[in-house]
Amino acid sequence: MTIGAALRLLAVMVLWASCFPLITIGLDLAPHLAFATLRAALAGVCLIALGLLLHRPIPVGGRSWILIVSVGLGATSMGFFGMFHAAEFVSPGLATVIVNVQPIIAAVLAHVFLGERLNAIGKIGLAVGLAGIVVIASPGLGAGHTQGYSLGIAYVVVAATGVSVGNVAIKRLTGQVDPIMAMGFQFLVGAVPLALISMMTEDVSSLTWSTKFVLILVALAVFGSALAFWLWFEALKQVKLNRANAFTFLVPIFGLMIGAAFFGERLEVIQIAGVILVLGGIMLVQRDSGVALRRQVPSTHSSTKKIEPLCEDVRRR
C-alpha cells in the first residue's frame, strides 16, 4: 500500500468519525429520513457540479450504471436509512459494534464477487479488530434498552449490509468511470428512496431551517459524504477492499478523539486497550496481503528457471 493510499484512507475515517456528533445534533432539528435525503442529495449535486466544471465524463454503459445504482441503493439508501433510524433505539456504543461487522460481511462478498481472499492471518486480524471495537464500545453497551431495541438492531444490520454491498460495487467500478461523477450520481440515486419513504412516513414541515442546521447539513454533505466517498473511491483503485475495510475499525477511535477534544469526553482505560486491539487487527490484515504477495514471488522464479534451459538449448542450436 502506498503512502498516498494510506493517507486517503485515514482521511476518510476521520471524516466519517466526525459525522456521528453532527448527525446526533441534526436529528433534533429535522425528521430522520428528510435529514438523510438532504444530505445525500446535496452531496450528489456538489460532486456532479464539480465534475461538470472539471469537464469529467458522464458514466456510460449498462454495466457501469447497474453498479452505480447498486452503490446508491446500498451505501446511501440502506446505509443512511439504517443508521439515521437506529439512533432512536440503540446506544451509540452498541450501534458502533454492530455496524463494524461490515468489514466481515464485505470480506465474504469480496471473496464471492471480487475473488479477494484472506488467509488465516487476515481472518484473525478482522476478528481482533472487531474484538477491539467491542472493548471500545463496552462502556456504552449497558445503556438502557428502549422499547424498540430489537428494531434498532435490525436497522444497524440493514446499514452494515447496505454499506458492504455498496463497497463491493465501488470496487468493481474503479478504473471504469470517473470517480467524481460516479459518486455524485450514486448519491442522487440513493436519495430517491429516502425521499419517497420520508414523504410517506414523516412530517417534513417539522424541519427547522436554522443557520445551525444548514451548517451541519453542509458539513455532512460536502465533507462527510462527497469528499469522503471520492477519497474512498480513489483509495480502492490501489487497495484491495479487504485491506481498505480494515481501516474502518479506526472510525470509533477517531470518534473518541473528537469527543475528547471538542466535547470533553474522557477516554477510559478499557477503551485504550480496545484501541490497541484495533491497531493490532489492522496490522494483521495488512500483513496478510504482504504474505500473499511474497508467496507469488517464488512461482515467478520457478517459471524463470524452467525457461532458462530452453533458451540455452536454442542458443546451442
C-alpha atoms as a PDB file:
ATOM      1  CA  MET A   1       0.000   0.000   0.000  1.00  0.00           C
ATOM      2  CA  THR A   2       1.355   3.419  -0.967  1.00  0.00           C
ATOM      3  CA  ILE A   3       1.615   6.300   1.491  1.00  0.00           C
ATOM      4  CA  GLY A   4      -0.888   8.249  -0.590  1.00  0.00           C
ATOM      5  CA  ALA A   5      -3.496   5.489  -0.387  1.00  0.00           C
ATOM      6  CA  ALA A   6      -2.967   5.119   3.364  1.00  0.00           C
ATOM      7  CA  LEU A   7      -3.375   8.876   3.876  1.00  0.00           C
ATOM      8  CA  ARG A   8      -6.598   8.858   1.832  1.00  0.00           C
ATOM      9  CA  LEU A   9      -7.983   6.023   3.940  1.00  0.00           C
ATOM     10  CA  LEU A  10      -7.049   7.780   7.184  1.00  0.00           C
ATOM     11  CA  ALA A  11      -8.700  10.985   5.942  1.00  0.00           C
ATOM     12  CA  VAL A  12     -11.885   9.073   5.095  1.00  0.00           C
ATOM     13  CA  MET A  13     -12.034   7.542   8.573  1.00  0.00           C
ATOM     14  CA  VAL A  14     -11.601  10.947  10.227  1.00  0.00           C
ATOM     15  CA  LEU A  15     -14.363  12.410   8.049  1.00  0.00           C
ATOM     16  CA  TRP A  16     -16.736   9.527   8.802  1.00  0.00           C
ATOM     17  CA  ALA A  17     -15.988   9.731  12.530  1.00  0.00           C
ATOM     18  CA  SER A  18     -16.816  13.445  12.547  1.00  0.00           C
ATOM     19  CA  CYS A  19     -20.258  12.656  11.113  1.00  0.00           C
ATOM     20  CA  PHE A  20     -21.554  10.952  14.274  1.00  0.00           C
ATOM     21  CA  PRO A  21     -21.748  14.016  16.557  1.00  0.00           C
ATOM     22  CA  LEU A  22     -23.132  16.156  13.711  1.00  0.00           C
ATOM     23  CA  ILE A  23     -25.887  13.647  12.963  1.00  0.00           C
ATOM     24  CA  THR A  24     -26.817  13.475  16.648  1.00  0.00           C
ATOM     25  CA  ILE A  25     -27.214  17.255  16.786  1.00  0.00           C
ATOM     26  CA  GLY A  26     -29.048  17.417  13.468  1.00  0.00           C
ATOM     27  CA  LEU A  27     -31.637  14.786  14.403  1.00  0.00           C
ATOM     28  CA  ASP A  28     -33.130  17.250  16.893  1.00  0.00           C
ATOM     29  CA  LEU A  29     -33.677  19.735  14.081  1.00  0.00           C
ATOM     30  CA  ALA A  30     -35.138  17.594  11.294  1.00  0.00           C
ATOM     31  CA  PRO A  31     -37.014  14.324  10.668  1.00  0.00           C
ATOM     32  CA  HIS A  32     -34.571  11.443  10.296  1.00  0.00           C
ATOM     33  CA  LEU A  33     -35.068  10.492   6.654  1.00  0.00           C
ATOM     34  CA  ALA A  34     -35.661  14.055   5.476  1.00  0.00           C
ATOM     35  CA  PHE A  35     -32.279  14.875   7.019  1.00  0.00           C
ATOM     36  CA  ALA A  36     -30.682  11.846   5.336  1.00  0.00           C
ATOM     37  CA  THR A  37     -32.280  12.745   1.976  1.00  0.00           C
ATOM     38  CA  LEU A  38     -30.981  16.311   2.076  1.00  0.00           C
ATOM     39  CA  ARG A  39     -27.504  15.087   2.995  1.00  0.00           C
ATOM     40  CA  ALA A  40     -27.379  12.614   0.083  1.00  0.00           C
ATOM     41  CA  ALA A  41     -28.929  14.991  -2.463  1.00  0.00           C
ATOM     42  CA  LEU A  42     -26.636  17.903  -1.584  1.00  0.00           C
ATOM     43  CA  ALA A  43     -23.572  15.637  -1.725  1.00  0.00           C
ATOM     44  CA  GLY A  44     -24.628  14.374  -5.156  1.00  0.00           C
ATOM     45  CA  VAL A  45     -25.298  17.855  -6.545  1.00  0.00           C
ATOM     46  CA  CYS A  46     -21.928  19.138  -5.285  1.00  0.00           C
ATOM     47  CA  LEU A  47     -19.976  16.268  -6.852  1.00  0.00           C
ATOM     48  CA  ILE A  48     -21.782  16.422 -10.205  1.00  0.00           C
ATOM     49  CA  ALA A  49     -21.398  20.214 -10.349  1.00  0.00           C
ATOM     50  CA  LEU A  50     -17.676  19.819  -9.653  1.00  0.00           C
ATOM     51  CA  GLY A  51     -17.424  17.099 -12.293  1.00  0.00           C
ATOM     52  CA  LEU A  52     -19.114  19.261 -14.918  1.00  0.00           C
ATOM     53  CA  LEU A  53     -16.880  22.198 -14.007  1.00  0.00           C
ATOM     54  CA  LEU A  54     -13.815  19.980 -14.500  1.00  0.00           C
ATOM     55  CA  HIS A  55     -15.283  18.502 -17.720  1.00  0.00           C
ATOM     56  CA  ARG A  56     -15.313  14.979 -16.300  1.00  0.00           C
ATOM     57  CA  PRO A  57     -17.077  12.332 -18.442  1.00  0.00           C
ATOM     58  CA  ILE A  58     -20.540  11.118 -17.502  1.00  0.00           C
ATOM     59  CA  PRO A  59     -20.588   7.331 -16.909  1.00  0.00           C
ATOM     60  CA  VAL A  60     -21.740   5.288 -19.900  1.00  0.00           C
ATOM     61  CA  GLY A  61     -22.645   1.648 -20.380  1.00  0.00           C
ATOM     62  CA  GLY A  62     -25.286  -0.530 -18.782  1.00  0.00           C
ATOM     63  CA  ARG A  63     -22.820  -2.366 -16.531  1.00  0.00           C
ATOM     64  CA  SER A  64     -21.441   0.863 -15.063  1.00  0.00           C
ATOM     65  CA  TRP A  65     -24.904   2.216 -14.332  1.00  0.00           C
ATOM     66  CA  ILE A  66     -26.019  -1.043 -12.714  1.00  0.00           C
ATOM     67  CA  LEU A  67     -23.043  -0.757 -10.357  1.00  0.00           C
ATOM     68  CA  ILE A  68     -23.726   2.943  -9.688  1.00  0.00           C
ATOM     69  CA  VAL A  69     -27.349   2.148  -8.823  1.00  0.00           C
ATOM     70  CA  SER A  70     -26.135  -0.702  -6.592  1.00  0.00           C
ATOM     71  CA  VAL A  71     -23.853   1.708  -4.703  1.00  0.00           C
ATOM     72  CA  GLY A  72     -26.662   4.237  -4.370  1.00  0.00           C
ATOM     73  CA  LEU A  73     -29.245   1.760  -3.100  1.00  0.00           C
ATOM     74  CA  GLY A  74     -26.724   0.004  -0.857  1.00  0.00           C
ATOM     75  CA  ALA A  75     -24.315   2.512   0.673  1.00  0.00           C
ATOM     76  CA  THR A  76     -26.626   5.543   0.501  1.00  0.00           C
ATOM     77  CA  SER A  77     -30.247   4.329   0.715  1.00  0.00           C
ATOM     78  CA  MET A  78     -29.762   1.337   3.038  1.00  0.00           C
ATOM     79  CA  GLY A  79     -26.763   2.838   4.852  1.00  0.00           C
ATOM     80  CA  PHE A  80     -28.396   6.182   5.648  1.00  0.00           C
ATOM     81  CA  PHE A  81     -31.811   4.629   6.318  1.00  0.00           C
ATOM     82  CA  GLY A  82     -30.401   2.177   8.844  1.00  0.00           C
ATOM     83  CA  MET A  83     -28.058   4.478  10.735  1.00  0.00           C
ATOM     84  CA  PHE A  84     -30.361   7.527  10.919  1.00  0.00           C
ATOM     85  CA  HIS A  85     -33.220   5.371  12.275  1.00  0.00           C
ATOM     86  CA  ALA A  86     -31.073   3.244  14.598  1.00  0.00           C
ATOM     87  CA  ALA A  87     -30.166   6.339  16.612  1.00  0.00           C
ATOM     88  CA  GLU A  88     -33.703   6.288  18.056  1.00  0.00           C
ATOM     89  CA  PHE A  89     -33.470   2.820  19.558  1.00  0.00           C
ATOM     90  CA  VAL A  90     -29.928   1.709  20.423  1.00  0.00           C
ATOM     91  CA  SER A  91     -26.985   3.221  22.231  1.00  0.00           C
ATOM     92  CA  PRO A  92     -24.116   4.631  20.129  1.00  0.00           C
ATOM     93  CA  GLY A  93     -21.780   2.027  21.653  1.00  0.00           C
ATOM     94  CA  LEU A  94     -23.853  -0.939  20.562  1.00  0.00           C
ATOM     95  CA  ALA A  95     -24.524   0.591  17.153  1.00  0.00           C
ATOM     96  CA  THR A  96     -20.769   1.037  16.675  1.00  0.00           C
ATOM     97  CA  VAL A  97     -20.116  -2.630  17.432  1.00  0.00           C
ATOM     98  CA  ILE A  98     -22.783  -3.942  15.069  1.00  0.00           C
ATOM     99  CA  VAL A  99     -22.036  -1.616  12.161  1.00  0.00           C
ATOM    100  CA  ASN A 100     -18.362  -2.603  12.344  1.00  0.00           C
ATOM    101  CA  VAL A 101     -19.332  -6.138  11.382  1.00  0.00           C
ATOM    102  CA  GLN A 102     -19.396  -4.527   7.918  1.00  0.00           C
ATOM    103  CA  PRO A 103     -15.756  -5.433   7.074  1.00  0.00           C
ATOM    104  CA  ILE A 104     -16.567  -9.088   7.778  1.00  0.00           C
ATOM    105  CA  ILE A 105     -19.713  -9.013   5.610  1.00  0.00           C
ATOM    106  CA  ALA A 106     -17.724  -7.241   2.900  1.00  0.00           C
ATOM    107  CA  ALA A 107     -14.936  -9.846   3.158  1.00  0.00           C
ATOM    108  CA  VAL A 108     -17.455 -12.575   2.322  1.00  0.00           C
ATOM    109  CA  LEU A 109     -18.885 -10.568  -0.578  1.00  0.00           C
ATOM    110  CA  ALA A 110     -15.382  -9.687  -1.816  1.00  0.00           C
ATOM    111  CA  HIS A 111     -14.495 -13.391  -1.820  1.00  0.00           C
ATOM    112  CA  VAL A 112     -17.573 -14.237  -3.891  1.00  0.00           C
ATOM    113  CA  PHE A 113     -17.676 -11.297  -6.322  1.00  0.00           C
ATOM    114  CA  LEU A 114     -14.106  -9.941  -6.424  1.00  0.00           C
ATOM    115  CA  GLY A 115     -12.043 -13.081  -5.852  1.00  0.00           C
ATOM    116  CA  GLU A 116     -10.284 -11.482  -2.863  1.00  0.00           C
ATOM    117  CA  ARG A 117      -9.225 -13.961  -0.201  1.00  0.00           C
ATOM    118  CA  LEU A 118      -7.889 -13.568   3.302  1.00  0.00           C
ATOM    119  CA  ASN A 119      -5.613 -16.228   4.751  1.00  0.00           C
ATOM    120  CA  ALA A 120      -5.588 -17.200   8.425  1.00  0.00           C
ATOM    121  CA  ILE A 121      -3.624 -14.091   9.436  1.00  0.00           C
ATOM    122  CA  GLY A 122      -6.118 -11.779   7.738  1.00  0.00           C
ATOM    123  CA  LYS A 123      -9.121 -13.529   9.281  1.00  0.00           C
ATOM    124  CA  ILE A 124      -7.527 -13.319  12.726  1.00  0.00           C
ATOM    125  CA  GLY A 125      -6.871  -9.624  12.056  1.00  0.00           C
ATOM    126  CA  LEU A 126     -10.560  -8.960  11.325  1.00  0.00           C
ATOM    127  CA  ALA A 127     -11.554 -10.861  14.476  1.00  0.00           C
ATOM    128  CA  VAL A 128      -9.043  -8.943  16.620  1.00  0.00           C
ATOM    129  CA  GLY A 129     -10.206  -5.632  15.142  1.00  0.00           C
ATOM    130  CA  LEU A 130     -13.848  -6.459  15.859  1.00  0.00           C
ATOM    131  CA  ALA A 131     -12.926  -7.507  19.399  1.00  0.00           C
ATOM    132  CA  GLY A 132     -11.255  -4.122  19.830  1.00  0.00           C
ATOM    133  CA  ILE A 133     -14.453  -2.370  18.711  1.00  0.00           C
ATOM    134  CA  VAL A 134     -16.442  -4.371  21.283  1.00  0.00           C
ATOM    135  CA  VAL A 135     -13.980  -3.350  24.022  1.00  0.00           C
ATOM    136  CA  ILE A 136     -14.079   0.326  22.963  1.00  0.00           C
ATOM    137  CA  ALA A 137     -17.881   0.375  22.969  1.00  0.00           C
ATOM    138  CA  SER A 138     -18.272  -1.719  26.140  1.00  0.00           C
ATOM    139  CA  PRO A 139     -18.858   1.253  28.488  1.00  0.00           C
ATOM    140  CA  GLY A 140     -21.959   2.134  26.468  1.00  0.00           C
ATOM    141  CA  LEU A 141     -23.277  -1.365  25.833  1.00  0.00           C
ATOM    142  CA  GLY A 142     -25.270  -1.352  29.036  1.00  0.00           C
ATOM    143  CA  ALA A 143     -27.142   1.817  28.132  1.00  0.00           C
ATOM    144  CA  GLY A 144     -30.842   1.387  28.648  1.00  0.00           C
ATOM    145  CA  HIS A 145     -32.633  -0.813  26.131  1.00  0.00           C
ATOM    146  CA  THR A 146     -35.611   1.050  24.744  1.00  0.00           C
ATOM    147  CA  GLN A 147     -38.892  -0.476  23.677  1.00  0.00           C
ATOM    148  CA  GLY A 148     -37.738  -0.700  20.051  1.00  0.00           C
ATOM    149  CA  TYR A 149     -34.347  -2.206  20.912  1.00  0.00           C
ATOM    150  CA  SER A 150     -34.689  -5.176  18.523  1.00  0.00           C
ATOM    151  CA  LEU A 151     -35.865  -2.872  15.764  1.00  0.00           C
ATOM    152  CA  GLY A 152     -32.823  -0.674  16.345  1.00  0.00           C
ATOM    153  CA  ILE A 153     -30.525  -3.678  15.991  1.00  0.00           C
ATOM    154  CA  ALA A 154     -32.259  -4.538  12.728  1.00  0.00           C
ATOM    155  CA  TYR A 155     -31.722  -1.004  11.422  1.00  0.00           C
ATOM    156  CA  VAL A 156     -27.987  -1.182  12.159  1.00  0.00           C
ATOM    157  CA  VAL A 157     -27.713  -4.551  10.405  1.00  0.00           C
ATOM    158  CA  VAL A 158     -29.513  -3.078   7.376  1.00  0.00           C
ATOM    159  CA  ALA A 159     -26.995  -0.223   7.320  1.00  0.00           C
ATOM    160  CA  ALA A 160     -23.972  -2.550   7.622  1.00  0.00           C
ATOM    161  CA  THR A 161     -25.266  -4.823   4.854  1.00  0.00           C
ATOM    162  CA  GLY A 162     -26.025  -1.900   2.560  1.00  0.00           C
ATOM    163  CA  VAL A 163     -22.591  -0.368   3.019  1.00  0.00           C
ATOM    164  CA  SER A 164     -20.960  -3.768   2.358  1.00  0.00           C
ATOM    165  CA  VAL A 165     -22.867  -4.199  -0.907  1.00  0.00           C
ATOM    166  CA  GLY A 166     -22.033  -0.627  -1.889  1.00  0.00           C
ATOM    167  CA  ASN A 167     -18.329  -1.107  -1.211  1.00  0.00           C
ATOM    168  CA  VAL A 168     -18.139  -4.203  -3.403  1.00  0.00           C
ATOM    169  CA  ALA A 169     -19.878  -2.301  -6.210  1.00  0.00           C
ATOM    170  CA  ILE A 170     -17.499   0.660  -5.798  1.00  0.00           C
ATOM    171  CA  LYS A 171     -14.529  -1.683  -6.073  1.00  0.00           C
ATOM    172  CA  ARG A 172     -15.969  -3.116  -9.310  1.00  0.00           C
ATOM    173  CA  LEU A 173     -16.396   0.440 -10.644  1.00  0.00           C
ATOM    174  CA  THR A 174     -12.790   1.513 -10.077  1.00  0.00           C
ATOM    175  CA  GLY A 175     -10.932   2.089 -13.328  1.00  0.00           C
ATOM    176  CA  GLN A 176     -14.158   2.129 -15.372  1.00  0.00           C
ATOM    177  CA  VAL A 177     -15.737   5.503 -14.589  1.00  0.00           C
ATOM    178  CA  ASP A 178     -14.790   8.923 -13.318  1.00  0.00           C
ATOM    179  CA  PRO A 179     -14.991   8.778  -9.505  1.00  0.00           C
ATOM    180  CA  ILE A 180     -16.421  12.275  -9.026  1.00  0.00           C
ATOM    181  CA  MET A 181     -19.313  11.748 -11.442  1.00  0.00           C
ATOM    182  CA  ALA A 182     -19.962   8.151 -10.364  1.00  0.00           C
ATOM    183  CA  MET A 183     -20.169   9.036  -6.678  1.00  0.00           C
ATOM    184  CA  GLY A 184     -22.289  12.090  -7.448  1.00  0.00           C
ATOM    185  CA  PHE A 185     -24.865  10.069  -9.352  1.00  0.00           C
ATOM    186  CA  GLN A 186     -24.943   7.292  -6.745  1.00  0.00           C
ATOM    187  CA  PHE A 187     -25.834   9.863  -4.069  1.00  0.00           C
ATOM    188  CA  LEU A 188     -28.722  11.146  -6.181  1.00  0.00           C
ATOM    189  CA  VAL A 189     -29.917   7.590  -6.864  1.00  0.00           C
ATOM    190  CA  GLY A 190     -29.740   6.766  -3.175  1.00  0.00           C
ATOM    191  CA  ALA A 191     -31.607   9.941  -2.214  1.00  0.00           C
ATOM    192  CA  VAL A 192     -34.714   8.958  -4.200  1.00  0.00           C
ATOM    193  CA  PRO A 193     -35.911   6.032  -1.999  1.00  0.00           C
ATOM    194  CA  LEU A 194     -35.067   8.030   1.122  1.00  0.00           C
ATOM    195  CA  ALA A 195     -37.162  10.951  -0.111  1.00  0.00           C
ATOM    196  CA  LEU A 196     -40.131   8.730  -1.002  1.00  0.00           C
ATOM    197  CA  ILE A 197     -40.126   6.964   2.377  1.00  0.00           C
ATOM    198  CA  SER A 198     -39.706  10.314   4.166  1.00  0.00           C
ATOM    199  CA  MET A 199     -42.729  11.821   2.400  1.00  0.00           C
ATOM    200  CA  MET A 200     -44.842   8.772   3.284  1.00  0.00           C
ATOM    201  CA  THR A 201     -43.817   8.404   6.932  1.00  0.00           C
ATOM    202  CA  GLU A 202     -42.613  11.781   8.251  1.00  0.00           C
ATOM    203  CA  ASP A 203     -43.905  15.295   8.816  1.00  0.00           C
ATOM    204  CA  VAL A 204     -41.426  17.164   6.650  1.00  0.00           C
ATOM    205  CA  SER A 205     -42.866  20.509   7.776  1.00  0.00           C
ATOM    206  CA  SER A 206     -41.244  19.964  11.180  1.00  0.00           C
ATOM    207  CA  LEU A 207     -37.800  20.518   9.653  1.00  0.00           C
ATOM    208  CA  THR A 208     -36.077  23.537  11.261  1.00  0.00           C
ATOM    209  CA  TRP A 209     -34.273  25.658   8.653  1.00  0.00           C
ATOM    210  CA  SER A 210     -31.896  27.419  11.001  1.00  0.00           C
ATOM    211  CA  THR A 211     -28.312  28.551  10.487  1.00  0.00           C
ATOM    212  CA  LYS A 212     -27.219  25.749  12.802  1.00  0.00           C
ATOM    213  CA  PHE A 213     -28.998  23.078  10.744  1.00  0.00           C
ATOM    214  CA  VAL A 214     -27.709  24.431   7.424  1.00  0.00           C
ATOM    215  CA  LEU A 215     -24.105  24.425   8.668  1.00  0.00           C
ATOM    216  CA  ILE A 216     -24.469  20.852   9.947  1.00  0.00           C
ATOM    217  CA  LEU A 217     -26.074  19.736   6.690  1.00  0.00           C
ATOM    218  CA  VAL A 218     -23.354  21.326   4.536  1.00  0.00           C
ATOM    219  CA  ALA A 219     -20.584  19.826   6.682  1.00  0.00           C
ATOM    220  CA  LEU A 220     -22.130  16.349   6.462  1.00  0.00           C
ATOM    221  CA  ALA A 221     -22.889  16.547   2.748  1.00  0.00           C
ATOM    222  CA  VAL A 222     -19.698  18.187   1.479  1.00  0.00           C
ATOM    223  CA  PHE A 223     -17.086  16.724   3.826  1.00  0.00           C
ATOM    224  CA  GLY A 224     -18.668  13.652   5.434  1.00  0.00           C
ATOM    225  CA  SER A 225     -20.215  12.389   2.186  1.00  0.00           C
ATOM    226  CA  ALA A 226     -18.942  13.934  -1.059  1.00  0.00           C
ATOM    227  CA  LEU A 227     -15.269  14.300  -0.110  1.00  0.00           C
ATOM    228  CA  ALA A 228     -15.187  11.087   1.936  1.00  0.00           C
ATOM    229  CA  PHE A 229     -16.675   8.886  -0.821  1.00  0.00           C
ATOM    230  CA  TRP A 230     -14.469  10.432  -3.504  1.00  0.00           C
ATOM    231  CA  LEU A 231     -11.342   9.703  -1.431  1.00  0.00           C
ATOM    232  CA  TRP A 232     -12.663   6.193  -0.663  1.00  0.00           C
ATOM    233  CA  PHE A 233     -13.166   5.518  -4.383  1.00  0.00           C
ATOM    234  CA  GLU A 234      -9.667   6.774  -5.180  1.00  0.00           C
ATOM    235  CA  ALA A 235      -8.151   4.581  -2.447  1.00  0.00           C
ATOM    236  CA  LEU A 236      -9.948   1.474  -3.720  1.00  0.00           C
ATOM    237  CA  LYS A 237      -8.270   1.974  -7.097  1.00  0.00           C
ATOM    238  CA  GLN A 238      -4.988   0.936  -5.458  1.00  0.00           C
ATOM    239  CA  VAL A 239      -6.005  -1.165  -2.456  1.00  0.00           C
ATOM    240  CA  LYS A 240      -7.963  -4.389  -2.125  1.00  0.00           C
ATOM    241  CA  LEU A 241     -11.344  -3.963  -0.466  1.00  0.00           C
ATOM    242  CA  ASN A 242     -10.456  -6.212   2.472  1.00  0.00           C
ATOM    243  CA  ARG A 243      -7.317  -4.213   3.259  1.00  0.00           C
ATOM    244  CA  ALA A 244      -9.119  -0.876   2.936  1.00  0.00           C
ATOM    245  CA  ASN A 245     -12.086  -2.046   5.014  1.00  0.00           C
ATOM    246  CA  ALA A 246      -9.802  -2.890   7.930  1.00  0.00           C
ATOM    247  CA  PHE A 247      -9.246   0.858   8.312  1.00  0.00           C
ATOM    248  CA  THR A 248     -12.943   1.325   9.173  1.00  0.00           C
ATOM    249  CA  PHE A 249     -12.126  -0.079  12.611  1.00  0.00           C
ATOM    250  CA  LEU A 250     -10.396   3.285  13.178  1.00  0.00           C
ATOM    251  CA  VAL A 251     -13.669   5.237  12.939  1.00  0.00           C
ATOM    252  CA  PRO A 252     -14.688   4.683  16.605  1.00  0.00           C
ATOM    253  CA  ILE A 253     -11.137   5.571  17.691  1.00  0.00           C
ATOM    254  CA  PHE A 254     -11.224   8.874  15.828  1.00  0.00           C
ATOM    255  CA  GLY A 255     -14.730   9.371  17.223  1.00  0.00           C
ATOM    256  CA  LEU A 256     -13.355   9.030  20.750  1.00  0.00           C
ATOM    257  CA  MET A 257     -10.587  11.513  19.959  1.00  0.00           C
ATOM    258  CA  ILE A 258     -13.080  14.030  18.554  1.00  0.00           C
ATOM    259  CA  GLY A 259     -15.287  13.567  21.611  1.00  0.00           C
ATOM    260  CA  ALA A 260     -12.351  14.160  23.936  1.00  0.00           C
ATOM    261  CA  ALA A 261     -11.109  17.204  22.023  1.00  0.00           C
ATOM    262  CA  PHE A 262     -14.409  19.025  21.434  1.00  0.00           C
ATOM    263  CA  PHE A 263     -16.993  17.593  23.824  1.00  0.00           C
ATOM    264  CA  GLY A 264     -14.952  16.971  26.970  1.00  0.00           C
ATOM    265  CA  GLU A 265     -15.452  13.191  26.857  1.00  0.00           C
ATOM    266  CA  ARG A 266     -12.951  11.076  28.794  1.00  0.00           C
ATOM    267  CA  LEU A 267     -11.174   8.047  27.344  1.00  0.00           C
ATOM    268  CA  GLU A 268     -11.351   5.116  29.782  1.00  0.00           C
ATOM    269  CA  VAL A 269      -8.532   2.611  30.331  1.00  0.00           C
ATOM    270  CA  ILE A 270     -10.570  -0.231  28.816  1.00  0.00           C
ATOM    271  CA  GLN A 271     -11.093   1.857  25.683  1.00  0.00           C
ATOM    272  CA  ILE A 272      -7.338   2.378  25.357  1.00  0.00           C
ATOM    273  CA  ALA A 273      -6.983  -1.411  25.427  1.00  0.00           C
ATOM    274  CA  GLY A 274      -9.569  -1.594  22.661  1.00  0.00           C
ATOM    275  CA  VAL A 275      -7.614   0.910  20.584  1.00  0.00           C
ATOM    276  CA  ILE A 276      -4.523  -1.293  20.861  1.00  0.00           C
ATOM    277  CA  LEU A 277      -6.530  -4.333  19.706  1.00  0.00           C
ATOM    278  CA  VAL A 278      -7.921  -2.414  16.737  1.00  0.00           C
ATOM    279  CA  LEU A 279      -4.477  -1.255  15.631  1.00  0.00           C
ATOM    280  CA  GLY A 280      -3.169  -4.802  16.004  1.00  0.00           C
ATOM    281  CA  GLY A 281      -6.035  -6.156  13.911  1.00  0.00           C
ATOM    282  CA  ILE A 282      -5.381  -3.658  11.119  1.00  0.00           C
ATOM    283  CA  MET A 283      -1.686  -4.569  11.087  1.00  0.00           C
ATOM    284  CA  LEU A 284      -2.552  -8.277  10.793  1.00  0.00           C
ATOM    285  CA  VAL A 285      -4.865  -7.653   7.823  1.00  0.00           C
ATOM    286  CA  GLN A 286      -2.177  -5.599   6.070  1.00  0.00           C
ATOM    287  CA  ARG A 287       0.396  -8.333   6.852  1.00  0.00           C
ATOM    288  CA  ASP A 288      -1.951 -10.882   5.322  1.00  0.00           C
ATOM    289  CA  SER A 289      -1.662  -9.204   1.925  1.00  0.00           C
ATOM    290  CA  GLY A 290       2.110  -8.962   2.273  1.00  0.00           C
ATOM    291  CA  VAL A 291       2.349 -12.694   2.920  1.00  0.00           C
ATOM    292  CA  ALA A 292       0.123 -13.434  -0.064  1.00  0.00           C
ATOM    293  CA  LEU A 293       2.304 -11.248  -2.288  1.00  0.00           C
ATOM    294  CA  ARG A 294       5.516 -12.938  -1.164  1.00  0.00           C
ATOM    295  CA  ARG A 295       4.020 -16.354  -1.886  1.00  0.00           C
ATOM    296  CA  GLN A 296       3.525 -15.339  -5.505  1.00  0.00           C
ATOM    297  CA  VAL A 297       7.189 -14.449  -5.996  1.00  0.00           C
ATOM    298  CA  PRO A 298       8.646 -17.999  -5.871  1.00  0.00           C
ATOM    299  CA  SER A 299       6.291 -19.123  -8.609  1.00  0.00           C
ATOM    300  CA  THR A 300       7.760 -16.422 -10.858  1.00  0.00           C
ATOM    301  CA  HIS A 301      11.298 -17.597 -10.079  1.00  0.00           C
ATOM    302  CA  SER A 302      10.392 -21.212 -10.744  1.00  0.00           C
ATOM    303  CA  SER A 303       8.900 -20.262 -14.109  1.00  0.00           C
ATOM    304  CA  THR A 304      12.105 -18.400 -14.969  1.00  0.00           C
ATOM    305  CA  LYS A 305      14.193 -21.442 -14.062  1.00  0.00           C
ATOM    306  CA  LYS A 306      12.087 -23.585 -16.397  1.00  0.00           C
ATOM    307  CA  ILE A 307      12.548 -21.137 -19.271  1.00  0.00           C
ATOM    308  CA  GLU A 308      16.317 -20.685 -18.882  1.00  0.00           C
ATOM    309  CA  PRO A 309      17.271 -24.247 -20.037  1.00  0.00           C
ATOM    310  CA  LEU A 310      15.062 -23.852 -23.098  1.00  0.00           C
ATOM    311  CA  CYS A 311      16.779 -20.589 -24.027  1.00  0.00           C
ATOM    312  CA  GLU A 312      20.212 -22.220 -23.571  1.00  0.00           C
ATOM    313  CA  ASP A 313      19.160 -25.098 -25.799  1.00  0.00           C
ATOM    314  CA  VAL A 314      18.056 -22.675 -28.523  1.00  0.00           C
ATOM    315  CA  ARG A 315      21.406 -20.819 -28.371  1.00  0.00           C
ATOM    316  CA  ARG A 316      23.351 -24.087 -28.753  1.00  0.00           C
ATOM    317  CA  ARG A 317      21.399 -24.931 -31.882  1.00  0.00           C
END
